[in-house]
C-alpha cells in the first residue's frame, strides 16, 4: 500500500486558521443534574449509545447519566435527520428539560462534538479489537462489518463542517487512520486485499454503506450488510490461476488521498 499521511474520515485535517473549539457560557438551572459529569466524561464511546449494563449510580448522579444517554440518543436521531435542527428539538425528543441539556452541553457545537468524538472512539476501539484477530482478512472484514453496524460514518456524512473539532479529536482521527491503514496493509501482505486499494478507499466504502437508509431500522441494517458484502468481494484479491497471476483490471483513476478533509471546514 502506498504510504500516505491520512486521518480517518471521522475528522479531517485541521483547517488553516481554525480556532480552538470554544462553546457558549454554561447555563445552569436549579434542580438540574450536577455539573461534575461533563460532556466528554462518562458516556459510552461509540457511534450509538451503548445498550449494555452500566454501573448504577445513586440519586442525582444516576439521573444525570440517564439524562445524558437520552440526550445523546435523541441528538443522534435528530441531527442525522436534520443537522440544522435546534437543540430544543433534541430536548423534546429526549423527554428532558432544555436546562438539563444545556447543563451538560452549553452549545449545539458541544453536543455535535460529543456525538462525533464518541463515534471516533468507537472506530478506534473496533480497530484495536481487529488488531488482536490473527487472520488478517477476518480482522479487516470483521472491523468493517462492526463499523457499518455501529453506523459511525453517518455522523461524518451528515455532520462534517457543522462544528469545530478539538485538538484531541484531530489526534484521535490521525490515530484511527493509522490503525485502519495498518489493518489494510496486513491484509495486503497476506495476499487477501487487492494491492491497488488504499486506506482512504475503505473510508468511502463505509460512507457508501452509511448512505443506505430506509424508514425501517432493521431493514436498513440488512441492506447495509448486503452491500458491504458486495463491496468486500470487490476489495478481495483474486487468487492467481493455473496460468500465473490474475489479469484482473486495476481500479480506474488515482486513489483518494485526503481529498474529503475539505468537509471539515465549517460551513
Protein backbone atom coordinates (compact mmCIF):
# COMPACT_ATOMS: atom_id res chain seq x y z
CA UNK A 1 0.00 0.00 0.00
CA UNK A 2 1.34 3.43 -0.93
CA UNK A 3 2.44 5.27 2.20
CA UNK A 4 0.35 8.33 2.92
CA UNK A 5 -0.41 10.71 5.75
CA UNK A 6 -4.09 10.45 6.46
CA UNK A 7 -6.83 10.61 9.03
CA UNK A 8 -9.97 8.59 9.46
CA UNK A 9 -12.90 10.29 7.83
CA UNK A 10 -14.39 10.87 11.27
CA UNK A 11 -12.47 14.17 11.48
CA UNK A 12 -10.44 15.80 8.73
CA UNK A 13 -7.26 17.80 8.86
CA UNK A 14 -7.27 20.92 10.98
CA UNK A 15 -8.43 23.81 8.76
CA UNK A 16 -5.89 26.56 8.26
CA UNK A 17 -6.53 29.35 10.71
CA UNK A 18 -9.10 27.25 12.57
CA UNK A 19 -9.86 28.40 16.09
CA UNK A 20 -9.85 26.09 19.06
CA UNK A 21 -13.27 24.79 19.98
CA UNK A 22 -14.99 27.21 22.25
CA UNK A 23 -18.58 26.98 23.41
CA UNK A 24 -21.08 29.27 24.97
CA UNK A 25 -21.08 30.04 28.65
CA UNK A 26 -22.62 27.47 30.93
CA UNK A 27 -26.35 27.77 31.51
CA UNK A 28 -27.40 26.44 34.88
CA UNK A 29 -30.79 26.00 36.45
CA UNK A 30 -31.90 24.85 39.86
CA UNK A 31 -32.93 21.22 40.02
CA UNK A 32 -30.76 20.06 37.10
CA UNK A 33 -28.16 17.33 37.36
CA UNK A 34 -24.78 18.22 38.87
CA UNK A 35 -22.16 19.59 36.51
CA UNK A 36 -19.49 17.12 37.60
CA UNK A 37 -20.25 14.74 34.70
CA UNK A 38 -19.09 16.82 31.74
CA UNK A 39 -19.92 16.21 28.09
CA UNK A 40 -16.79 14.19 27.39
CA UNK A 41 -16.85 12.17 30.58
CA UNK A 42 -18.96 9.18 31.38
CA UNK A 43 -20.84 8.35 28.19
CA UNK A 44 -20.16 5.30 26.02
CA UNK A 45 -17.52 5.68 23.35
CA UNK A 46 -19.44 4.58 20.31
CA UNK A 47 -21.39 5.56 17.25
CA UNK A 48 -24.61 4.92 19.17
CA UNK A 49 -25.26 4.90 22.89
CA UNK A 50 -24.35 1.52 24.28
CA UNK A 51 -27.22 -0.69 25.33
CA UNK A 52 -25.27 -2.89 27.76
CA UNK A 53 -25.49 -2.73 31.54
CA UNK A 54 -23.68 0.11 33.27
CA UNK A 55 -22.77 0.59 36.88
CA UNK A 56 -25.78 2.03 38.67
CA UNK A 57 -25.21 5.43 40.25
CA UNK A 58 -27.39 6.71 43.06
CA UNK A 59 -29.55 9.81 43.18
CA UNK A 60 -28.75 12.82 41.04
CA UNK A 61 -25.62 11.31 39.50
CA UNK A 62 -27.64 8.33 38.30
CA UNK A 63 -30.27 10.65 36.85
CA UNK A 64 -27.52 12.69 35.19
CA UNK A 65 -26.18 9.61 33.44
CA UNK A 66 -29.64 8.53 32.33
CA UNK A 67 -30.36 12.01 31.00
CA UNK A 68 -27.07 12.03 29.11
CA UNK A 69 -27.91 8.74 27.41
CA UNK A 70 -31.34 10.03 26.44
CA UNK A 71 -29.88 13.29 25.12
CA UNK A 72 -27.19 11.59 23.02
CA UNK A 73 -29.59 9.07 21.54
CA UNK A 74 -32.09 11.81 20.70
CA UNK A 75 -29.37 14.10 19.30
CA UNK A 76 -28.15 11.39 17.00
CA UNK A 77 -31.62 10.75 15.59
CA UNK A 78 -32.49 14.43 15.29
CA UNK A 79 -29.23 15.65 13.73
CA UNK A 80 -28.90 12.73 11.30
CA UNK A 81 -32.34 13.71 10.06
CA UNK A 82 -31.69 17.48 10.10
CA UNK A 83 -28.22 18.79 11.06
CA UNK A 84 -29.67 22.32 11.30
CA UNK A 85 -32.31 21.38 13.90
CA UNK A 86 -32.19 23.44 17.13
CA UNK A 87 -31.22 21.80 20.41
CA UNK A 88 -34.75 22.41 21.70
CA UNK A 89 -35.89 19.64 19.33
CA UNK A 90 -33.30 17.31 20.87
CA UNK A 91 -34.51 18.10 24.40
CA UNK A 92 -38.12 17.49 23.39
CA UNK A 93 -37.20 14.23 21.64
CA UNK A 94 -35.23 13.08 24.69
CA UNK A 95 -38.01 13.99 27.11
CA UNK A 96 -35.76 16.23 29.21
CA UNK A 97 -35.90 19.93 30.01
CA UNK A 98 -33.83 22.31 27.91
CA UNK A 99 -31.95 23.33 31.07
CA UNK A 100 -30.90 19.70 31.61
CA UNK A 101 -29.47 19.62 28.11
CA UNK A 102 -27.64 22.95 28.45
CA UNK A 103 -26.21 21.88 31.79
CA UNK A 104 -24.26 19.13 30.02
CA UNK A 105 -23.84 20.73 26.58
CA UNK A 106 -23.67 24.53 26.79
CA UNK A 107 -23.92 24.88 22.99
CA UNK A 108 -25.05 22.88 20.00
CA UNK A 109 -21.40 22.61 18.92
CA UNK A 110 -20.54 20.90 22.22
CA UNK A 111 -23.24 18.32 21.58
CA UNK A 112 -22.15 17.74 17.97
CA UNK A 113 -18.54 17.36 19.08
CA UNK A 114 -19.54 14.79 21.68
CA UNK A 115 -21.51 12.75 19.14
CA UNK A 116 -18.71 12.69 16.59
CA UNK A 117 -15.95 12.09 19.12
CA UNK A 118 -17.88 9.15 20.53
CA UNK A 119 -18.09 7.74 17.01
CA UNK A 120 -14.35 8.24 16.56
CA UNK A 121 -13.62 6.48 19.83
CA UNK A 122 -15.84 3.59 18.73
CA UNK A 123 -13.84 3.39 15.48
CA UNK A 124 -10.59 3.18 17.46
CA UNK A 125 -11.96 0.56 19.85
CA UNK A 126 -13.10 -1.64 16.95
CA UNK A 127 -9.73 -1.23 15.19
CA UNK A 128 -7.95 -2.29 18.38
CA UNK A 129 -10.20 -5.34 18.60
CA UNK A 130 -9.44 -6.20 14.97
CA UNK A 131 -5.72 -5.91 15.62
CA UNK A 132 -5.96 -8.86 18.02
CA UNK A 133 -7.53 -11.12 15.34
CA UNK A 134 -4.86 -13.48 13.97
CA UNK A 135 -6.33 -13.82 10.46
CA UNK A 136 -5.68 -10.56 8.51
CA UNK A 137 -8.72 -10.83 6.22
CA UNK A 138 -11.08 -11.74 9.05
CA UNK A 139 -9.64 -8.83 11.03
CA UNK A 140 -10.32 -6.33 8.24
CA UNK A 141 -13.76 -7.59 7.20
CA UNK A 142 -14.95 -8.00 10.78
CA UNK A 143 -13.81 -4.48 11.55
CA UNK A 144 -15.70 -3.04 8.56
CA UNK A 145 -18.84 -5.00 9.45
CA UNK A 146 -18.82 -3.73 13.04
CA UNK A 147 -18.30 -0.13 11.95
CA UNK A 148 -21.19 -0.41 9.50
CA UNK A 149 -23.41 -1.96 12.19
CA UNK A 150 -22.50 0.86 14.61
CA UNK A 151 -23.41 3.42 11.90
CA UNK A 152 -20.36 5.51 12.76
CA UNK A 153 -19.94 7.06 9.31
CA UNK A 154 -23.45 8.51 9.17
CA UNK A 155 -22.12 11.10 11.61
CA UNK A 156 -19.34 12.03 9.17
CA UNK A 157 -21.66 12.24 6.18
CA UNK A 158 -24.23 14.43 7.91
CA UNK A 159 -22.27 16.47 10.46
CA UNK A 160 -18.90 17.25 8.87
CA UNK A 161 -18.35 21.01 8.83
CA UNK A 162 -21.08 21.81 11.36
CA UNK A 163 -18.68 22.29 14.30
CA UNK A 164 -15.02 22.95 15.07
CA UNK A 165 -13.17 19.74 16.08
CA UNK A 166 -10.92 19.88 19.12
CA UNK A 167 -7.21 19.09 19.04
CA UNK A 168 -7.97 15.83 20.83
CA UNK A 169 -10.33 14.88 18.01
CA UNK A 170 -7.66 15.65 15.41
CA UNK A 171 -5.19 13.48 17.33
CA UNK A 172 -7.68 10.62 17.61
CA UNK A 173 -8.50 10.93 13.91
CA UNK A 174 -4.85 10.51 12.99
CA UNK A 175 -4.61 7.51 15.29
CA UNK A 176 -7.76 5.97 13.81
CA UNK A 177 -6.48 6.50 10.29
CA UNK A 178 -3.15 4.85 11.06
CA UNK A 179 -4.92 1.87 12.65
CA UNK A 180 -7.23 1.36 9.66
CA UNK A 181 -4.26 1.63 7.30
CA UNK A 182 -2.44 -0.99 9.37
CA UNK A 183 -5.35 -3.42 9.03
CA UNK A 184 -5.41 -2.90 5.27
CA UNK A 185 -1.65 -3.32 4.91
CA UNK A 186 -1.80 -6.54 6.94
CA UNK A 187 -4.49 -7.96 4.64
CA UNK A 188 -2.48 -6.95 1.57
CA UNK A 189 0.69 -8.55 2.91
CA UNK A 190 -1.29 -11.79 3.34
CA UNK A 191 -2.47 -11.57 -0.27
CA UNK A 192 -6.12 -11.17 0.71
CA UNK A 193 -6.77 -7.47 -0.10
CA UNK A 194 -6.24 -6.31 -3.65
CA UNK A 195 -2.95 -4.40 -3.94
CA UNK A 196 -4.36 -1.24 -5.55
CA UNK A 197 -6.60 -0.42 -2.56
CA UNK A 198 -5.58 2.36 -0.13
CA UNK A 199 -6.96 3.07 3.31
CA UNK A 200 -9.00 6.06 2.10
CA UNK A 201 -10.88 3.65 -0.19
CA UNK A 202 -12.14 1.92 2.95
CA UNK A 203 -13.49 5.22 4.29
CA UNK A 204 -15.50 5.68 1.12
CA UNK A 205 -16.80 2.11 1.31
CA UNK A 206 -18.02 2.83 4.85
CA UNK A 207 -19.61 6.11 3.79
CA UNK A 208 -21.36 4.37 0.90
CA UNK A 209 -22.89 1.88 3.31
CA UNK A 210 -23.90 4.68 5.69
CA UNK A 211 -25.76 6.39 2.84
CA UNK A 212 -28.20 3.47 2.71
CA UNK A 213 -31.17 4.41 4.87
CA UNK A 214 -34.83 3.40 4.74
CA UNK A 215 -37.55 4.12 7.33
CA UNK A 216 -37.29 0.65 8.88
CA UNK A 217 -34.14 0.43 11.01
CA UNK A 218 -33.82 -3.36 10.80
CA UNK A 219 -34.17 -3.27 7.01
CA UNK A 220 -31.55 -0.53 6.83
CA UNK A 221 -29.14 -2.81 8.68
CA UNK A 222 -29.90 -5.72 6.34
CA UNK A 223 -29.32 -3.63 3.22
CA UNK A 224 -26.09 -2.20 4.55
CA UNK A 225 -24.77 -5.68 5.33
CA UNK A 226 -25.84 -6.87 1.85
CA UNK A 227 -23.99 -4.14 0.00
CA UNK A 228 -20.97 -4.29 2.26
CA UNK A 229 -20.67 -7.96 1.26
CA UNK A 230 -20.76 -6.98 -2.40
CA UNK A 231 -18.09 -4.34 -1.80
CA UNK A 232 -15.91 -6.75 0.16
CA UNK A 233 -15.98 -9.13 -2.79
CA UNK A 234 -14.63 -6.29 -4.89
CA UNK A 235 -11.92 -5.50 -2.33
CA UNK A 236 -10.71 -9.09 -2.12
CA UNK A 237 -7.63 -10.04 -4.08
CA UNK A 238 -8.24 -12.51 -6.91
CA UNK A 239 -6.07 -15.60 -6.49
CA UNK A 240 -3.64 -16.43 -9.29
CA UNK A 241 -4.88 -19.06 -11.69
CA UNK A 242 -3.00 -22.01 -13.14
CA UNK A 243 -1.50 -19.83 -15.86
CA UNK A 244 0.03 -17.28 -13.48
CA UNK A 245 -1.12 -14.03 -11.85
CA UNK A 246 -4.68 -12.86 -12.32
CA UNK A 247 -5.34 -10.44 -15.18
CA UNK A 248 -8.00 -8.62 -13.19
CA UNK A 249 -8.04 -4.98 -14.35
CA UNK A 250 -6.78 -2.34 -11.93
CA UNK A 251 -9.01 0.26 -10.34
CA UNK A 252 -9.61 3.30 -12.55
CA UNK A 253 -8.18 6.69 -11.67
CA UNK A 254 -5.76 7.66 -8.91
CA UNK A 255 -6.66 6.56 -5.38
CA UNK A 256 -8.20 9.01 -2.90
CA UNK A 257 -5.68 10.82 -0.73
CA UNK A 258 -7.15 13.05 1.96
CA UNK A 259 -9.47 14.76 -0.51
CA UNK A 260 -12.51 14.56 1.76
CA UNK A 261 -10.95 16.64 4.53
CA UNK A 262 -12.36 19.82 2.97
CA UNK A 263 -15.72 18.90 4.51
CA UNK A 264 -14.41 19.69 7.98
CA UNK A 265 -14.03 23.36 7.22
CA UNK A 266 -17.00 24.90 8.96
CA UNK A 267 -19.90 25.79 6.70
